[in-house]
Amino acid sequence: MRVITLIFGFLISLNMFGNEQLGKINDPDGYTNVREKPTTKSKVLFKILDTEYFYYESSEIENWCRVTNMNGRSGFMHQSRIENLSEFIINGKTYQSNESQLKVRTKRIGNTEIKISQIKNPKSYCDAYIEITSNKIKKFKYEFIEALGGSAGIAFLENIVPNHILIVKHGDYDGRTIIVSENGQITEVAGGSVSELIDNKYLINLAECDLGYCGFSIYDILQEKIVFNYETEFELYQFKDQIIFDLDYDNGKDYHLFDFDKKEFEKLEIKENIENNYYKQTINYELEKGCLCY
């Protein structure tokens, strides 16, 4: 029943895009102007290169189409400059345009360029391909991302961690976070739940499992590396502005604080009931701008 619901929701979401079709430009110049109004005398808003995908639909003016690029910018392009795509190939995999929706986003930090392609489709729910280029190229492939927990896809987190971009994979129970520093350092960690920065230095990446959390890592943004890993199930709470770890929740309460300087747990005695204070203070993902699939 859950699978049927997801597929039905997917088909509804495809219909929301109306008559939009996927296209690329057909222009010997290697680019085409996108104009404010459907006339060659109108202001040029931006250009689309022959390496880019975009969506288009017919306008009320004959031979002109309204186009929307992958960053959401819209304008008008003459129909003669548009090549319709019945299918497209990403990372060697072929997708049919009439049943799949494509979203490509690019970002830059320092001398590093990040390109993320996401495909929403009925066969594998959501596929995502990430290519990070600095002094070398590093690729990540996340296929068949199912919407567990309400969302699936990739989100960018910018201006949250100083001098870093976070790329967060949502969906399944196998959340992932790719941390890209301004210096081009690339670090991949388990977990799609990322806590607030501690002392403006330490980033906690929480790995989720069926009943709660099954591990976490501490990333030092100054050293640009993971400085602590914990790979055992635990429960997490917030109590009087402190992060409380219950390390042995199956056998009573085993509360601990984590000392970020010493990188070790400290036993904590709490007599008050903290069951209703489950720790939920996580970074607010840019789901509307970043996640495509669900």
C-alpha atoms as a PDB file:
ATOM      1  CA  MET A   1       0.000   0.000   0.000  1.00  0.00           C
ATOM      2  CA  ARG A   2       2.850   2.374   0.835  1.00  0.00           C
ATOM      3  CA  VAL A   3       4.499   1.761  -2.559  1.00  0.00           C
ATOM      4  CA  ILE A   4       1.199   2.404  -4.369  1.00  0.00           C
ATOM      5  CA  THR A   5       0.740   5.647  -2.461  1.00  0.00           C
ATOM      6  CA  LEU A   6       4.231   6.844  -3.343  1.00  0.00           C
ATOM      7  CA  ILE A   7       3.785   6.070  -7.041  1.00  0.00           C
ATOM      8  CA  PHE A   8       0.375   7.743  -7.111  1.00  0.00           C
ATOM      9  CA  GLY A   9       1.835  10.826  -5.464  1.00  0.00           C
ATOM     10  CA  PHE A  10       4.637  10.802  -7.993  1.00  0.00           C
ATOM     11  CA  LEU A  11       2.221  10.745 -10.954  1.00  0.00           C
ATOM     12  CA  ILE A  12       0.209  13.593  -9.488  1.00  0.00           C
ATOM     13  CA  SER A  13       3.363  15.667  -9.083  1.00  0.00           C
ATOM     14  CA  LEU A  14       4.298  15.074 -12.732  1.00  0.00           C
ATOM     15  CA  ASN A  15       0.897  16.376 -13.873  1.00  0.00           C
ATOM     16  CA  MET A  16       1.505  19.588 -11.947  1.00  0.00           C
ATOM     17  CA  PHE A  17       4.090  20.594 -14.548  1.00  0.00           C
ATOM     18  CA  GLY A  18       1.421  20.760 -17.229  1.00  0.00           C
ATOM     19  CA  ASN A  19       2.737  20.841 -20.797  1.00  0.00           C
ATOM     20  CA  GLU A  20       6.370  21.496 -19.925  1.00  0.00           C
ATOM     21  CA  GLN A  21       8.843  19.515 -22.008  1.00  0.00           C
ATOM     22  CA  LEU A  22      12.570  18.963 -21.650  1.00  0.00           C
ATOM     23  CA  GLY A  23      14.804  20.602 -24.209  1.00  0.00           C
ATOM     24  CA  LYS A  24      18.270  21.759 -25.206  1.00  0.00           C
ATOM     25  CA  ILE A  25      19.158  24.599 -27.567  1.00  0.00           C
ATOM     26  CA  ASN A  26      19.702  24.183 -31.283  1.00  0.00           C
ATOM     27  CA  ASP A  27      22.026  27.072 -32.068  1.00  0.00           C
ATOM     28  CA  PRO A  28      25.372  27.056 -33.957  1.00  0.00           C
ATOM     29  CA  ASP A  29      26.595  29.873 -31.696  1.00  0.00           C
ATOM     30  CA  GLY A  30      26.612  27.494 -28.718  1.00  0.00           C
ATOM     31  CA  TYR A  31      24.158  29.638 -26.753  1.00  0.00           C
ATOM     32  CA  THR A  32      20.713  31.212 -27.108  1.00  0.00           C
ATOM     33  CA  ASN A  33      19.332  34.369 -25.529  1.00  0.00           C
ATOM     34  CA  VAL A  34      16.314  34.176 -23.252  1.00  0.00           C
ATOM     35  CA  ARG A  35      14.254  37.339 -23.523  1.00  0.00           C
ATOM     36  CA  GLU A  36      11.858  39.201 -21.268  1.00  0.00           C
ATOM     37  CA  LYS A  37       9.110  39.242 -23.923  1.00  0.00           C
ATOM     38  CA  PRO A  38       8.406  37.099 -27.028  1.00  0.00           C
ATOM     39  CA  THR A  39      10.147  39.376 -29.530  1.00  0.00           C
ATOM     40  CA  THR A  40      13.730  39.692 -30.774  1.00  0.00           C
ATOM     41  CA  LYS A  41      13.681  43.341 -29.748  1.00  0.00           C
ATOM     42  CA  SER A  42      13.003  42.513 -26.099  1.00  0.00           C
ATOM     43  CA  LYS A  43      15.570  42.686 -23.301  1.00  0.00           C
ATOM     44  CA  VAL A  44      17.888  39.674 -22.882  1.00  0.00           C
ATOM     45  CA  LEU A  45      17.426  38.233 -19.393  1.00  0.00           C
ATOM     46  CA  PHE A  46      20.044  35.470 -19.543  1.00  0.00           C
ATOM     47  CA  LYS A  47      21.636  32.944 -21.897  1.00  0.00           C
ATOM     48  CA  ILE A  48      21.302  29.178 -22.114  1.00  0.00           C
ATOM     49  CA  LEU A  49      24.345  27.204 -23.273  1.00  0.00           C
ATOM     50  CA  ASP A  50      24.273  24.107 -25.467  1.00  0.00           C
ATOM     51  CA  THR A  51      25.472  22.065 -22.468  1.00  0.00           C
ATOM     52  CA  GLU A  52      22.395  22.955 -20.397  1.00  0.00           C
ATOM     53  CA  TYR A  53      18.963  21.380 -20.057  1.00  0.00           C
ATOM     54  CA  PHE A  54      15.804  23.450 -19.618  1.00  0.00           C
ATOM     55  CA  TYR A  55      12.021  23.058 -19.620  1.00  0.00           C
ATOM     56  CA  TYR A  56       9.774  24.817 -22.102  1.00  0.00           C
ATOM     57  CA  GLU A  57       6.097  25.175 -23.037  1.00  0.00           C
ATOM     58  CA  SER A  58       4.147  26.947 -25.750  1.00  0.00           C
ATOM     59  CA  SER A  59       3.193  30.582 -25.238  1.00  0.00           C
ATOM     60  CA  GLU A  60       0.295  32.611 -26.586  1.00  0.00           C
ATOM     61  CA  ILE A  61       2.626  34.089 -29.207  1.00  0.00           C
ATOM     62  CA  GLU A  62       3.166  31.887 -32.267  1.00  0.00           C
ATOM     63  CA  ASN A  63       6.691  30.426 -32.634  1.00  0.00           C
ATOM     64  CA  TRP A  64       7.716  31.559 -29.133  1.00  0.00           C
ATOM     65  CA  CYS A  65       8.014  29.383 -26.037  1.00  0.00           C
ATOM     66  CA  ARG A  66       8.359  30.155 -22.376  1.00  0.00           C
ATOM     67  CA  VAL A  67      11.494  28.473 -21.038  1.00  0.00           C
ATOM     68  CA  THR A  68      12.677  27.834 -17.489  1.00  0.00           C
ATOM     69  CA  ASN A  69      16.282  26.960 -16.727  1.00  0.00           C
ATOM     70  CA  MET A  70      17.477  24.652 -13.966  1.00  0.00           C
ATOM     71  CA  ASN A  71      17.854  27.560 -11.548  1.00  0.00           C
ATOM     72  CA  GLY A  72      14.203  28.515 -11.972  1.00  0.00           C
ATOM     73  CA  ARG A  73      14.734  31.604 -14.155  1.00  0.00           C
ATOM     74  CA  SER A  74      12.144  32.058 -16.896  1.00  0.00           C
ATOM     75  CA  GLY A  75      11.757  33.987 -20.126  1.00  0.00           C
ATOM     76  CA  PHE A  76      11.008  33.555 -23.831  1.00  0.00           C
ATOM     77  CA  MET A  77      12.929  31.755 -26.588  1.00  0.00           C
ATOM     78  CA  HIS A  78      12.133  31.360 -30.267  1.00  0.00           C
ATOM     79  CA  GLN A  79      10.874  27.887 -31.066  1.00  0.00           C
ATOM     80  CA  SER A  80      13.444  27.416 -33.854  1.00  0.00           C
ATOM     81  CA  ARG A  81      16.202  27.408 -31.244  1.00  0.00           C
ATOM     82  CA  ILE A  82      14.708  24.549 -29.215  1.00  0.00           C
ATOM     83  CA  GLU A  83      15.455  20.860 -29.636  1.00  0.00           C
ATOM     84  CA  ASN A  84      12.939  18.603 -27.937  1.00  0.00           C
ATOM     85  CA  LEU A  85      14.390  15.679 -25.959  1.00  0.00           C
ATOM     86  CA  SER A  86      12.363  12.472 -25.722  1.00  0.00           C
ATOM     87  CA  GLU A  87      15.078  10.992 -23.507  1.00  0.00           C
ATOM     88  CA  PHE A  88      18.228  12.060 -21.715  1.00  0.00           C
ATOM     89  CA  ILE A  89      21.288  10.265 -20.370  1.00  0.00           C
ATOM     90  CA  ILE A  90      22.793  11.003 -16.967  1.00  0.00           C
ATOM     91  CA  ASN A  91      25.800   9.048 -15.696  1.00  0.00           C
ATOM     92  CA  GLY A  92      25.319   6.460 -18.427  1.00  0.00           C
ATOM     93  CA  LYS A  93      21.681   5.784 -17.518  1.00  0.00           C
ATOM     94  CA  THR A  94      18.868   6.605 -19.964  1.00  0.00           C
ATOM     95  CA  TYR A  95      15.655   8.261 -18.752  1.00  0.00           C
ATOM     96  CA  GLN A  96      12.452   8.932 -20.694  1.00  0.00           C
ATOM     97  CA  SER A  97      11.485  12.599 -20.578  1.00  0.00           C
ATOM     98  CA  ASN A  98       7.745  11.935 -20.504  1.00  0.00           C
ATOM     99  CA  GLU A  99       8.020   9.988 -17.237  1.00  0.00           C
ATOM    100  CA  SER A 100      11.029  11.587 -15.542  1.00  0.00           C
ATOM    101  CA  GLN A 101      11.746  15.058 -14.273  1.00  0.00           C
ATOM    102  CA  LEU A 102      15.304  16.378 -14.288  1.00  0.00           C
ATOM    103  CA  LYS A 103      16.867  19.005 -12.065  1.00  0.00           C
ATOM    104  CA  VAL A 104      20.508  20.090 -12.348  1.00  0.00           C
ATOM    105  CA  ARG A 105      22.128  22.492  -9.907  1.00  0.00           C
ATOM    106  CA  THR A 106      25.646  23.877  -9.786  1.00  0.00           C
ATOM    107  CA  LYS A 107      27.483  25.664  -6.991  1.00  0.00           C
ATOM    108  CA  ARG A 108      30.996  26.940  -6.492  1.00  0.00           C
ATOM    109  CA  ILE A 109      33.075  27.333  -3.340  1.00  0.00           C
ATOM    110  CA  GLY A 110      36.638  28.596  -3.697  1.00  0.00           C
ATOM    111  CA  ASN A 111      38.036  26.877  -6.793  1.00  0.00           C
ATOM    112  CA  THR A 112      35.723  23.895  -6.391  1.00  0.00           C
ATOM    113  CA  GLU A 113      32.677  23.388  -8.611  1.00  0.00           C
ATOM    114  CA  ILE A 114      29.779  21.166  -7.558  1.00  0.00           C
ATOM    115  CA  LYS A 115      27.227  19.747  -9.999  1.00  0.00           C
ATOM    116  CA  ILE A 116      24.233  17.753  -8.811  1.00  0.00           C
ATOM    117  CA  SER A 117      21.794  16.020 -11.162  1.00  0.00           C
ATOM    118  CA  GLN A 118      18.555  14.628  -9.714  1.00  0.00           C
ATOM    119  CA  ILE A 119      15.959  12.593 -11.560  1.00  0.00           C
ATOM    120  CA  LYS A 120      12.473  11.965 -10.236  1.00  0.00           C
ATOM    121  CA  ASN A 121      11.028   8.901 -11.917  1.00  0.00           C
ATOM    122  CA  PRO A 122       8.533   6.074 -11.270  1.00  0.00           C
ATOM    123  CA  LYS A 123      11.049   3.239 -11.584  1.00  0.00           C
ATOM    124  CA  SER A 124      13.580   4.200  -8.924  1.00  0.00           C
ATOM    125  CA  TYR A 125      11.726   7.051  -7.162  1.00  0.00           C
ATOM    126  CA  CYS A 126      14.754   9.352  -7.134  1.00  0.00           C
ATOM    127  CA  ASP A 127      18.297   9.127  -8.503  1.00  0.00           C
ATOM    128  CA  ALA A 128      21.055  11.598  -7.717  1.00  0.00           C
ATOM    129  CA  TYR A 129      24.506  12.033  -9.219  1.00  0.00           C
ATOM    130  CA  ILE A 130      27.085  14.401  -7.750  1.00  0.00           C
ATOM    131  CA  GLU A 131      30.267  15.559  -9.445  1.00  0.00           C
ATOM    132  CA  ILE A 132      32.754  17.676  -7.502  1.00  0.00           C
ATOM    133  CA  THR A 133      35.653  19.201  -9.417  1.00  0.00           C
ATOM    134  CA  SER A 134      38.665  20.836  -7.762  1.00  0.00           C
ATOM    135  CA  ASN A 135      42.202  19.645  -8.513  1.00  0.00           C
ATOM    136  CA  LYS A 136      40.588  16.316  -9.380  1.00  0.00           C
ATOM    137  CA  ILE A 137      37.084  15.027 -10.053  1.00  0.00           C
ATOM    138  CA  LYS A 138      35.174  13.048  -7.448  1.00  0.00           C
ATOM    139  CA  LYS A 139      31.786  11.470  -8.183  1.00  0.00           C
ATOM    140  CA  PHE A 140      28.991  10.167  -5.960  1.00  0.00           C
ATOM    141  CA  LYS A 141      26.019   8.095  -7.120  1.00  0.00           C
ATOM    142  CA  TYR A 142      22.841   7.644  -5.061  1.00  0.00           C
ATOM    143  CA  GLU A 143      20.238   5.601  -6.917  1.00  0.00           C
ATOM    144  CA  PHE A 144      16.792   4.421  -5.832  1.00  0.00           C
ATOM    145  CA  ILE A 145      16.250   6.965  -3.056  1.00  0.00           C
ATOM    146  CA  GLU A 146      12.849   6.224  -1.541  1.00  0.00           C
ATOM    147  CA  ALA A 147      10.974   8.891   0.381  1.00  0.00           C
ATOM    148  CA  LEU A 148      11.156   7.675   3.953  1.00  0.00           C
ATOM    149  CA  GLY A 149      10.652  10.353   6.568  1.00  0.00           C
ATOM    150  CA  GLY A 150       8.812  12.690   4.205  1.00  0.00           C
ATOM    151  CA  SER A 151      11.467  13.736   1.691  1.00  0.00           C
ATOM    152  CA  ALA A 152      13.928  12.344  -0.810  1.00  0.00           C
ATOM    153  CA  GLY A 153      16.628  14.037  -2.828  1.00  0.00           C
ATOM    154  CA  ILE A 154      19.646  16.269  -2.360  1.00  0.00           C
ATOM    155  CA  ALA A 155      19.757  19.602  -0.533  1.00  0.00           C
ATOM    156  CA  PHE A 156      22.470  22.234  -0.476  1.00  0.00           C
ATOM    157  CA  LEU A 157      23.246  23.954   2.809  1.00  0.00           C
ATOM    158  CA  GLU A 158      25.099  27.189   2.209  1.00  0.00           C
ATOM    159  CA  ASN A 159      26.107  29.896   4.680  1.00  0.00           C
ATOM    160  CA  ILE A 160      25.408  27.524   7.585  1.00  0.00           C
ATOM    161  CA  VAL A 161      28.929  26.292   8.215  1.00  0.00           C
ATOM    162  CA  PRO A 162      31.618  28.956   7.649  1.00  0.00           C
ATOM    163  CA  ASN A 163      33.718  28.339   4.506  1.00  0.00           C
ATOM    164  CA  HIS A 164      31.876  25.090   3.728  1.00  0.00           C
ATOM    165  CA  ILE A 165      29.033  23.756   1.605  1.00  0.00           C
ATOM    166  CA  LEU A 166      27.070  20.754   2.843  1.00  0.00           C
ATOM    167  CA  ILE A 167      25.380  18.397   0.401  1.00  0.00           C
ATOM    168  CA  VAL A 168      22.773  16.353   2.238  1.00  0.00           C
ATOM    169  CA  LYS A 169      21.065  13.243   0.878  1.00  0.00           C
ATOM    170  CA  HIS A 170      17.554  12.656   2.252  1.00  0.00           C
ATOM    171  CA  GLY A 171      15.565   9.464   1.923  1.00  0.00           C
ATOM    172  CA  ASP A 172      15.840   5.810   2.902  1.00  0.00           C
ATOM    173  CA  TYR A 173      17.529   5.262   6.237  1.00  0.00           C
ATOM    174  CA  ASP A 174      20.912   5.699   4.613  1.00  0.00           C
ATOM    175  CA  GLY A 175      21.246   9.466   4.843  1.00  0.00           C
ATOM    176  CA  ARG A 176      24.597  10.860   3.722  1.00  0.00           C
ATOM    177  CA  THR A 177      26.354  14.201   4.067  1.00  0.00           C
ATOM    178  CA  ILE A 178      29.165  15.413   1.829  1.00  0.00           C
ATOM    179  CA  ILE A 179      31.170  18.257   3.357  1.00  0.00           C
ATOM    180  CA  VAL A 180      33.079  20.448   0.898  1.00  0.00           C
ATOM    181  CA  SER A 181      35.479  23.036   2.297  1.00  0.00           C
ATOM    182  CA  GLU A 182      36.607  26.258   0.646  1.00  0.00           C
ATOM    183  CA  ASN A 183      40.046  24.650   0.255  1.00  0.00           C
ATOM    184  CA  GLY A 184      38.620  21.786  -1.805  1.00  0.00           C
ATOM    185  CA  GLN A 185      38.670  19.160   0.951  1.00  0.00           C
ATOM    186  CA  ILE A 186      35.845  16.624   0.438  1.00  0.00           C
ATOM    187  CA  THR A 187      34.542  14.526   3.339  1.00  0.00           C
ATOM    188  CA  GLU A 188      31.647  12.052   3.140  1.00  0.00           C
ATOM    189  CA  VAL A 189      29.955  10.915   6.342  1.00  0.00           C
ATOM    190  CA  ALA A 190      26.962   8.789   7.291  1.00  0.00           C
ATOM    191  CA  GLY A 191      23.786  10.555   8.264  1.00  0.00           C
ATOM    192  CA  GLY A 192      21.345  13.007   6.725  1.00  0.00           C
ATOM    193  CA  SER A 193      20.540  14.803   9.973  1.00  0.00           C
ATOM    194  CA  VAL A 194      23.015  17.549  10.799  1.00  0.00           C
ATOM    195  CA  SER A 195      22.976  19.313  14.158  1.00  0.00           C
ATOM    196  CA  GLU A 196      23.818  22.908  14.841  1.00  0.00           C
ATOM    197  CA  LEU A 197      27.465  23.865  15.095  1.00  0.00           C
ATOM    198  CA  ILE A 198      28.970  23.541  18.555  1.00  0.00           C
ATOM    199  CA  ASP A 199      31.245  26.423  19.601  1.00  0.00           C
ATOM    200  CA  ASN A 200      31.269  27.459  15.946  1.00  0.00           C
ATOM    201  CA  LYS A 201      33.793  24.670  15.376  1.00  0.00           C
ATOM    202  CA  TYR A 202      32.255  21.195  15.579  1.00  0.00           C
ATOM    203  CA  LEU A 203      29.551  19.852  13.284  1.00  0.00           C
ATOM    204  CA  ILE A 204      27.581  16.784  14.401  1.00  0.00           C
ATOM    205  CA  ASN A 205      26.369  14.422  11.670  1.00  0.00           C
ATOM    206  CA  LEU A 206      23.683  12.069  12.954  1.00  0.00           C
ATOM    207  CA  ALA A 207      23.102   8.672  11.344  1.00  0.00           C
ATOM    208  CA  GLU A 208      19.457   7.590  11.571  1.00  0.00           C
ATOM    209  CA  CYS A 209      18.114   4.069  11.889  1.00  0.00           C
ATOM    210  CA  ASP A 210      14.707   2.445  12.510  1.00  0.00           C
ATOM    211  CA  LEU A 211      14.277   3.376  16.154  1.00  0.00           C
ATOM    212  CA  GLY A 212      16.375   6.494  16.468  1.00  0.00           C
ATOM    213  CA  TYR A 213      20.077   7.116  15.930  1.00  0.00           C
ATOM    214  CA  CYS A 214      22.711   4.491  15.227  1.00  0.00           C
ATOM    215  CA  GLY A 215      25.830   6.632  15.189  1.00  0.00           C
ATOM    216  CA  PHE A 216      27.283  10.078  14.765  1.00  0.00           C
ATOM    217  CA  SER A 217      30.477  11.795  13.699  1.00  0.00           C
ATOM    218  CA  ILE A 218      32.113  15.050  14.729  1.00  0.00           C
ATOM    219  CA  TYR A 219      33.604  17.191  11.961  1.00  0.00           C
ATOM    220  CA  ASP A 220      36.109  19.893  12.938  1.00  0.00           C
ATOM    221  CA  ILE A 221      35.574  22.782  10.509  1.00  0.00           C
ATOM    222  CA  LEU A 222      38.981  24.295  11.320  1.00  0.00           C
ATOM    223  CA  GLN A 223      40.957  21.082  10.758  1.00  0.00           C
ATOM    224  CA  GLU A 224      38.571  20.096   7.931  1.00  0.00           C
ATOM    225  CA  LYS A 225      38.326  16.475   9.026  1.00  0.00           C
ATOM    226  CA  ILE A 226      36.361  13.995  11.126  1.00  0.00           C
ATOM    227  CA  VAL A 227      37.753  13.951  14.662  1.00  0.00           C
ATOM    228  CA  PHE A 228      35.353  11.467  16.294  1.00  0.00           C
ATOM    229  CA  ASN A 229      33.144   8.552  15.184  1.00  0.00           C
ATOM    230  CA  TYR A 230      30.543   6.637  17.197  1.00  0.00           C
ATOM    231  CA  GLU A 231      28.793   3.658  15.561  1.00  0.00           C
ATOM    232  CA  THR A 232      26.417   2.298  18.197  1.00  0.00           C
ATOM    233  CA  GLU A 233      22.686   2.938  18.641  1.00  0.00           C
ATOM    234  CA  PHE A 234      21.659   5.582  21.140  1.00  0.00           C
ATOM    235  CA  GLU A 235      18.860   7.968  21.990  1.00  0.00           C
ATOM    236  CA  LEU A 236      19.314  11.713  21.985  1.00  0.00           C
ATOM    237  CA  TYR A 237      17.666  14.380  24.116  1.00  0.00           C
ATOM    238  CA  GLN A 238      17.918  18.039  24.945  1.00  0.00           C
ATOM    239  CA  PHE A 239      17.846  18.951  28.615  1.00  0.00           C
ATOM    240  CA  LYS A 240      18.479  22.465  29.940  1.00  0.00           C
ATOM    241  CA  ASP A 241      20.282  23.485  26.721  1.00  0.00           C
ATOM    242  CA  GLN A 242      22.522  20.422  26.856  1.00  0.00           C
ATOM    243  CA  ILE A 243      22.725  17.537  24.407  1.00  0.00           C
ATOM    244  CA  ILE A 244      22.108  14.321  26.363  1.00  0.00           C
ATOM    245  CA  PHE A 245      23.096  10.906  25.008  1.00  0.00           C
ATOM    246  CA  ASP A 246      21.407   7.767  26.342  1.00  0.00           C
ATOM    247  CA  LEU A 247      23.994   5.151  25.373  1.00  0.00           C
ATOM    248  CA  ASP A 248      22.235   2.085  26.781  1.00  0.00           C
ATOM    249  CA  TYR A 249      18.534   2.891  26.432  1.00  0.00           C
ATOM    250  CA  ASP A 250      17.467  -0.777  26.388  1.00  0.00           C
ATOM    251  CA  ASN A 251      18.675  -1.250  29.978  1.00  0.00           C
ATOM    252  CA  GLY A 252      17.414   1.774  31.853  1.00  0.00           C
ATOM    253  CA  LYS A 253      18.893   5.220  31.497  1.00  0.00           C
ATOM    254  CA  ASP A 254      22.565   5.718  30.804  1.00  0.00           C
ATOM    255  CA  TYR A 255      22.866   9.462  30.329  1.00  0.00           C
ATOM    256  CA  HIS A 256      26.065  11.092  29.125  1.00  0.00           C
ATOM    257  CA  LEU A 257      27.335  14.456  27.992  1.00  0.00           C
ATOM    258  CA  PHE A 258      29.913  14.650  25.236  1.00  0.00           C
ATOM    259  CA  ASP A 259      33.056  16.693  25.858  1.00  0.00           C
ATOM    260  CA  PHE A 260      33.934  18.164  22.477  1.00  0.00           C
ATOM    261  CA  ASP A 261      37.413  19.221  23.554  1.00  0.00           C
ATOM    262  CA  LYS A 262      38.387  15.854  25.022  1.00  0.00           C
ATOM    263  CA  LYS A 263      36.334  13.907  22.440  1.00  0.00           C
ATOM    264  CA  GLU A 264      34.887  11.603  25.087  1.00  0.00           C
ATOM    265  CA  PHE A 265      31.644  10.910  26.980  1.00  0.00           C
ATOM    266  CA  GLU A 266      31.067  11.972  30.587  1.00  0.00           C
ATOM    267  CA  LYS A 267      28.576  10.116  32.787  1.00  0.00           C
ATOM    268  CA  LEU A 268      25.665  12.282  33.880  1.00  0.00           C
ATOM    269  CA  GLU A 269      23.222  11.697  36.720  1.00  0.00           C
ATOM    270  CA  ILE A 270      19.741  13.086  35.991  1.00  0.00           C
ATOM    271  CA  LYS A 271      16.841  12.367  38.315  1.00  0.00           C
ATOM    272  CA  GLU A 272      14.280  14.336  36.328  1.00  0.00           C
ATOM    273  CA  ASN A 273      12.277  12.758  33.550  1.00  0.00           C
ATOM    274  CA  ILE A 274      13.518  13.930  30.144  1.00  0.00           C
ATOM    275  CA  GLU A 275      11.446  11.611  27.969  1.00  0.00           C
ATOM    276  CA  ASN A 276       9.445  14.475  26.478  1.00  0.00           C
ATOM    277  CA  ASN A 277      12.515  16.505  25.537  1.00  0.00           C
ATOM    278  CA  TYR A 278      13.700  14.584  22.506  1.00  0.00           C
ATOM    279  CA  TYR A 279      16.517  16.522  20.867  1.00  0.00           C
ATOM    280  CA  LYS A 280      15.308  17.985  17.555  1.00  0.00           C
ATOM    281  CA  GLN A 281      17.492  21.029  17.028  1.00  0.00           C
ATOM    282  CA  THR A 282      18.772  20.389  13.501  1.00  0.00           C
ATOM    283  CA  ILE A 283      19.731  22.650  10.646  1.00  0.00           C
ATOM    284  CA  ASN A 284      16.742  23.727   8.571  1.00  0.00           C
ATOM    285  CA  TYR A 285      17.227  22.118   5.158  1.00  0.00           C
ATOM    286  CA  GLU A 286      16.527  24.057   2.000  1.00  0.00           C
ATOM    287  CA  LEU A 287      14.050  21.432   0.865  1.00  0.00           C
ATOM    288  CA  GLU A 288      12.074  23.624  -1.526  1.00  0.00           C
ATOM    289  CA  LYS A 289      15.188  24.752  -3.397  1.00  0.00           C
ATOM    290  CA  GLY A 290      17.276  21.652  -2.979  1.00  0.00           C
ATOM    291  CA  CYS A 291      15.202  18.475  -2.842  1.00  0.00           C
ATOM    292  CA  LEU A 292      13.538  17.482  -6.075  1.00  0.00           C
ATOM    293  CA  CYS A 293      11.869  14.178  -5.577  1.00  0.00           C
ATOM    294  CA  TYR A 294       9.523  14.329  -2.578  1.00  0.00           C
END
